[in-house]
Amino acid sequence: MQLKDELTTRLKNKFPKARISVEVQGSSAFLGVISDDFLGHSQVQRQQTVYGLISDLIQTGELHAVTIHAKTLAETTDSD
């Protein structure tokens, strides 16, 4: 499975109702997750949740750099 597909699948399994965007370039990834599952969670808690889904990929070196944007629906704009 391609890295982008693997990341997308993991995020969709954890956040089935979320708007998800995944961009991969080499071993770097941008992950965007918009979900009300993040209500009441700090940015750090949100990122920890997402990192927990992909930590094995980071440990093996398959994924090197990750940027995470994790927001609730209320925190989004039309451009998100």
C-alpha atoms as a PDB file:
ATOM      1  CA  MET A   1       0.000   0.000   0.000  1.00  0.00           C
ATOM      2  CA  GLN A   2       1.291   3.463  -0.849  1.00  0.00           C
ATOM      3  CA  LEU A   3       2.134   5.740   2.083  1.00  0.00           C
ATOM      4  CA  LYS A   4      -0.617   8.223   1.210  1.00  0.00           C
ATOM      5  CA  ASP A   5      -3.212   5.440   1.102  1.00  0.00           C
ATOM      6  CA  GLU A   6      -1.968   3.987   4.389  1.00  0.00           C
ATOM      7  CA  LEU A   7      -2.157   7.357   6.151  1.00  0.00           C
ATOM      8  CA  THR A   8      -5.600   8.099   4.720  1.00  0.00           C
ATOM      9  CA  THR A   9      -6.934   4.704   5.805  1.00  0.00           C
ATOM     10  CA  ARG A  10      -5.626   5.085   9.342  1.00  0.00           C
ATOM     11  CA  LEU A  11      -7.101   8.562   9.716  1.00  0.00           C
ATOM     12  CA  LYS A  12     -10.471   7.541   8.264  1.00  0.00           C
ATOM     13  CA  ASN A  13     -10.649   4.533  10.580  1.00  0.00           C
ATOM     14  CA  LYS A  14     -10.015   6.718  13.641  1.00  0.00           C
ATOM     15  CA  PHE A  15     -12.107   9.688  12.466  1.00  0.00           C
ATOM     16  CA  PRO A  16     -14.848   8.238  10.201  1.00  0.00           C
ATOM     17  CA  LYS A  17     -16.882  11.467  10.025  1.00  0.00           C
ATOM     18  CA  ALA A  18     -13.895  13.779   9.546  1.00  0.00           C
ATOM     19  CA  ARG A  19     -12.766  15.768   6.540  1.00  0.00           C
ATOM     20  CA  ILE A  20      -9.318  14.402   5.863  1.00  0.00           C
ATOM     21  CA  SER A  21      -6.553  15.602   3.590  1.00  0.00           C
ATOM     22  CA  VAL A  22      -3.243  13.841   3.104  1.00  0.00           C
ATOM     23  CA  GLU A  23      -0.332  15.068   1.019  1.00  0.00           C
ATOM     24  CA  VAL A  24       2.878  13.069   0.797  1.00  0.00           C
ATOM     25  CA  GLN A  25       6.176  14.068  -0.748  1.00  0.00           C
ATOM     26  CA  GLY A  26       8.889  11.471  -0.285  1.00  0.00           C
ATOM     27  CA  SER A  27       8.939  10.603   3.402  1.00  0.00           C
ATOM     28  CA  SER A  28       7.244  13.847   4.480  1.00  0.00           C
ATOM     29  CA  ALA A  29       3.520  14.246   5.004  1.00  0.00           C
ATOM     30  CA  PHE A  30       0.929  16.942   5.615  1.00  0.00           C
ATOM     31  CA  LEU A  31      -2.121  15.640   7.453  1.00  0.00           C
ATOM     32  CA  GLY A  32      -5.279  17.687   7.781  1.00  0.00           C
ATOM     33  CA  VAL A  33      -8.085  16.424   9.989  1.00  0.00           C
ATOM     34  CA  ILE A  34     -11.261  18.397  10.613  1.00  0.00           C
ATOM     35  CA  SER A  35     -13.418  16.655  13.177  1.00  0.00           C
ATOM     36  CA  ASP A  36     -15.584  17.474  16.144  1.00  0.00           C
ATOM     37  CA  ASP A  37     -13.862  14.550  17.864  1.00  0.00           C
ATOM     38  CA  PHE A  38     -11.321  17.235  18.807  1.00  0.00           C
ATOM     39  CA  LEU A  39     -13.816  19.304  20.808  1.00  0.00           C
ATOM     40  CA  GLY A  40     -12.394  20.059  24.239  1.00  0.00           C
ATOM     41  CA  HIS A  41      -8.896  18.892  23.311  1.00  0.00           C
ATOM     42  CA  SER A  42      -5.836  21.130  23.185  1.00  0.00           C
ATOM     43  CA  GLN A  43      -3.700  21.326  20.041  1.00  0.00           C
ATOM     44  CA  VAL A  44      -1.103  19.159  21.768  1.00  0.00           C
ATOM     45  CA  GLN A  45      -3.697  16.489  22.605  1.00  0.00           C
ATOM     46  CA  ARG A  46      -4.982  16.550  19.034  1.00  0.00           C
ATOM     47  CA  GLN A  47      -1.504  16.106  17.595  1.00  0.00           C
ATOM     48  CA  GLN A  48      -0.705  13.353  20.084  1.00  0.00           C
ATOM     49  CA  THR A  49      -3.808  11.477  18.950  1.00  0.00           C
ATOM     50  CA  VAL A  50      -2.787  11.690  15.303  1.00  0.00           C
ATOM     51  CA  TYR A  51       0.873  10.872  16.029  1.00  0.00           C
ATOM     52  CA  GLY A  52      -0.301   7.787  17.904  1.00  0.00           C
ATOM     53  CA  LEU A  53      -1.823   6.491  14.676  1.00  0.00           C
ATOM     54  CA  ILE A  54       1.407   6.841  12.717  1.00  0.00           C
ATOM     55  CA  SER A  55       4.192   6.387  15.265  1.00  0.00           C
ATOM     56  CA  ASP A  56       5.178   3.002  13.840  1.00  0.00           C
ATOM     57  CA  LEU A  57       5.745   4.579  10.418  1.00  0.00           C
ATOM     58  CA  ILE A  58       7.967   7.220  12.010  1.00  0.00           C
ATOM     59  CA  GLN A  59       9.935   4.638  13.998  1.00  0.00           C
ATOM     60  CA  THR A  60      10.665   2.557  10.887  1.00  0.00           C
ATOM     61  CA  GLY A  61      11.737   5.651   8.942  1.00  0.00           C
ATOM     62  CA  GLU A  62       9.033   5.222   6.317  1.00  0.00           C
ATOM     63  CA  LEU A  63       7.719   8.582   7.468  1.00  0.00           C
ATOM     64  CA  HIS A  64      10.257  11.222   8.455  1.00  0.00           C
ATOM     65  CA  ALA A  65       8.545  14.606   8.773  1.00  0.00           C
ATOM     66  CA  VAL A  66       4.895  15.266   9.563  1.00  0.00           C
ATOM     67  CA  THR A  67       2.840  18.441   9.680  1.00  0.00           C
ATOM     68  CA  ILE A  68      -0.540  18.065  11.359  1.00  0.00           C
ATOM     69  CA  HIS A  69      -3.450  20.473  11.186  1.00  0.00           C
ATOM     70  CA  ALA A  70      -6.185  19.176  13.489  1.00  0.00           C
ATOM     71  CA  LYS A  71      -9.268  21.362  13.875  1.00  0.00           C
ATOM     72  CA  THR A  72     -12.911  21.201  14.856  1.00  0.00           C
ATOM     73  CA  LEU A  73     -15.590  22.157  12.355  1.00  0.00           C
ATOM     74  CA  ALA A  74     -16.110  25.479  14.151  1.00  0.00           C
ATOM     75  CA  GLU A  75     -12.411  26.329  13.767  1.00  0.00           C
ATOM     76  CA  THR A  76     -12.400  25.960   9.994  1.00  0.00           C
ATOM     77  CA  THR A  77     -12.825  28.474   7.241  1.00  0.00           C
ATOM     78  CA  ASP A  78     -14.069  27.959   3.695  1.00  0.00           C
ATOM     79  CA  SER A  79     -10.475  27.501   2.526  1.00  0.00           C
ATOM     80  CA  ASP A  80      -9.823  24.532   4.875  1.00  0.00           C
END
